[in-house]
Amino acid sequence: LHEKTDKFIIGINFFDMFPFNGYAYVSGMEKWLTDFKIRPAFYHRLAGKFLELALAFDRQFYEVVGPYVDGAQVFDDLGTK
């Protein structure tokens, strides 16, 4: 598609939902928001690990599909507090 159309091709990696939505997915929304407020050290440690994993998956994913896409979609919850 990238070479044969004029469409904007987007790469979507499932693991781009980490570290934020991934935390809620694994722990549940209530625990995610609770940890964020009352256990910030734990929250940041776990979210940091999720971020490391997401970046590692992205590196592998975009090394393969990067030449064939024009952009990347990141679908995390960027507005929840």
C-alpha atoms as a PDB file:
ATOM      1  CA  LEU A   1       0.000   0.000   0.000  1.00  0.00           C
ATOM      2  CA  HIS A   2       2.779   2.416   0.875  1.00  0.00           C
ATOM      3  CA  GLU A   3       4.374   2.165  -2.558  1.00  0.00           C
ATOM      4  CA  LYS A   4       1.248   1.743  -4.689  1.00  0.00           C
ATOM      5  CA  THR A   5      -1.180   4.311  -3.279  1.00  0.00           C
ATOM      6  CA  ASP A   6      -1.201   7.916  -2.212  1.00  0.00           C
ATOM      7  CA  LYS A   7      -2.823   6.960   1.112  1.00  0.00           C
ATOM      8  CA  PHE A   8      -1.208   7.835   4.447  1.00  0.00           C
ATOM      9  CA  ILE A   9      -0.347   4.462   5.986  1.00  0.00           C
ATOM     10  CA  ILE A  10      -0.279   4.247   9.778  1.00  0.00           C
ATOM     11  CA  GLY A  11       1.511   1.614  11.841  1.00  0.00           C
ATOM     12  CA  ILE A  12      -0.388   0.473  14.919  1.00  0.00           C
ATOM     13  CA  ASN A  13       1.395  -1.550  17.567  1.00  0.00           C
ATOM     14  CA  PHE A  14      -0.843  -3.044  20.275  1.00  0.00           C
ATOM     15  CA  PHE A  15       1.797  -2.351  22.926  1.00  0.00           C
ATOM     16  CA  ASP A  16       1.561   1.401  22.340  1.00  0.00           C
ATOM     17  CA  MET A  17      -1.231   1.418  24.929  1.00  0.00           C
ATOM     18  CA  PHE A  18       1.446   1.146  27.618  1.00  0.00           C
ATOM     19  CA  PRO A  19       2.403   2.500  30.124  1.00  0.00           C
ATOM     20  CA  PHE A  20      -0.899   4.146  31.063  1.00  0.00           C
ATOM     21  CA  ASN A  21      -3.791   2.134  29.650  1.00  0.00           C
ATOM     22  CA  GLY A  22      -1.683  -0.998  29.999  1.00  0.00           C
ATOM     23  CA  TYR A  23      -1.506  -0.416  33.750  1.00  0.00           C
ATOM     24  CA  ALA A  24      -5.306  -0.197  33.923  1.00  0.00           C
ATOM     25  CA  TYR A  25      -5.646  -3.206  31.617  1.00  0.00           C
ATOM     26  CA  VAL A  26      -3.454  -5.365  33.873  1.00  0.00           C
ATOM     27  CA  SER A  27      -4.557  -4.017  37.280  1.00  0.00           C
ATOM     28  CA  GLY A  28      -8.020  -2.607  36.666  1.00  0.00           C
ATOM     29  CA  MET A  29      -9.019   1.034  36.355  1.00  0.00           C
ATOM     30  CA  GLU A  30      -9.734   1.532  40.066  1.00  0.00           C
ATOM     31  CA  LYS A  31      -6.361   0.132  41.200  1.00  0.00           C
ATOM     32  CA  TRP A  32      -4.558   2.134  38.524  1.00  0.00           C
ATOM     33  CA  LEU A  33      -6.084   5.428  39.687  1.00  0.00           C
ATOM     34  CA  THR A  34      -5.694   4.487  43.370  1.00  0.00           C
ATOM     35  CA  ASP A  35      -2.030   3.554  42.968  1.00  0.00           C
ATOM     36  CA  PHE A  36      -1.423   6.788  41.113  1.00  0.00           C
ATOM     37  CA  LYS A  37      -2.683   8.742  44.116  1.00  0.00           C
ATOM     38  CA  ILE A  38      -1.723   6.798  47.249  1.00  0.00           C
ATOM     39  CA  ARG A  39       1.198   4.599  46.079  1.00  0.00           C
ATOM     40  CA  PRO A  40       3.063   6.895  43.691  1.00  0.00           C
ATOM     41  CA  ALA A  41       6.458   5.178  44.089  1.00  0.00           C
ATOM     42  CA  PHE A  42       4.943   1.803  43.168  1.00  0.00           C
ATOM     43  CA  TYR A  43       2.939   3.375  40.365  1.00  0.00           C
ATOM     44  CA  HIS A  44       5.992   5.039  38.827  1.00  0.00           C
ATOM     45  CA  ARG A  45       8.096   1.868  39.087  1.00  0.00           C
ATOM     46  CA  LEU A  46       5.455  -0.264  37.366  1.00  0.00           C
ATOM     47  CA  ALA A  47       4.650   2.391  34.764  1.00  0.00           C
ATOM     48  CA  GLY A  48       8.384   2.730  34.071  1.00  0.00           C
ATOM     49  CA  LYS A  49       8.654  -1.011  33.405  1.00  0.00           C
ATOM     50  CA  PHE A  50       5.641  -0.848  31.098  1.00  0.00           C
ATOM     51  CA  LEU A  51       7.290   2.036  29.250  1.00  0.00           C
ATOM     52  CA  GLU A  52      10.516   0.035  28.839  1.00  0.00           C
ATOM     53  CA  LEU A  53       8.533  -2.873  27.388  1.00  0.00           C
ATOM     54  CA  ALA A  54       6.550  -0.627  25.065  1.00  0.00           C
ATOM     55  CA  LEU A  55       9.711   1.005  23.719  1.00  0.00           C
ATOM     56  CA  ALA A  56      11.352  -2.399  23.176  1.00  0.00           C
ATOM     57  CA  PHE A  57       8.308  -3.681  21.289  1.00  0.00           C
ATOM     58  CA  ASP A  58       8.131  -0.466  19.257  1.00  0.00           C
ATOM     59  CA  ARG A  59      11.796  -0.752  18.286  1.00  0.00           C
ATOM     60  CA  GLN A  60      11.252  -4.260  16.940  1.00  0.00           C
ATOM     61  CA  PHE A  61       7.916  -3.426  15.309  1.00  0.00           C
ATOM     62  CA  TYR A  62       9.064  -0.270  13.527  1.00  0.00           C
ATOM     63  CA  GLU A  63      12.359  -1.811  12.404  1.00  0.00           C
ATOM     64  CA  VAL A  64      10.201  -4.170  10.338  1.00  0.00           C
ATOM     65  CA  VAL A  65       7.264  -1.997   9.263  1.00  0.00           C
ATOM     66  CA  GLY A  66       8.947   1.420   9.414  1.00  0.00           C
ATOM     67  CA  PRO A  67       9.841   1.598   5.723  1.00  0.00           C
ATOM     68  CA  TYR A  68       6.211   0.864   4.782  1.00  0.00           C
ATOM     69  CA  VAL A  69       4.341   3.343   6.972  1.00  0.00           C
ATOM     70  CA  ASP A  70       4.043   7.117   7.011  1.00  0.00           C
ATOM     71  CA  GLY A  71       3.116   7.545  10.662  1.00  0.00           C
ATOM     72  CA  ALA A  72       2.472   5.800  13.951  1.00  0.00           C
ATOM     73  CA  GLN A  73      -0.672   5.754  16.055  1.00  0.00           C
ATOM     74  CA  VAL A  74      -0.250   5.996  19.800  1.00  0.00           C
ATOM     75  CA  PHE A  75      -3.451   5.146  21.594  1.00  0.00           C
ATOM     76  CA  ASP A  76      -2.956   5.721  25.244  1.00  0.00           C
ATOM     77  CA  ASP A  77      -5.093   7.722  27.610  1.00  0.00           C
ATOM     78  CA  LEU A  78      -3.297  11.012  27.518  1.00  0.00           C
ATOM     79  CA  GLY A  79      -5.928  12.981  29.436  1.00  0.00           C
ATOM     80  CA  THR A  80      -6.958  10.998  32.536  1.00  0.00           C
ATOM     81  CA  LYS A  81      -5.932  12.360  35.922  1.00  0.00           C
END
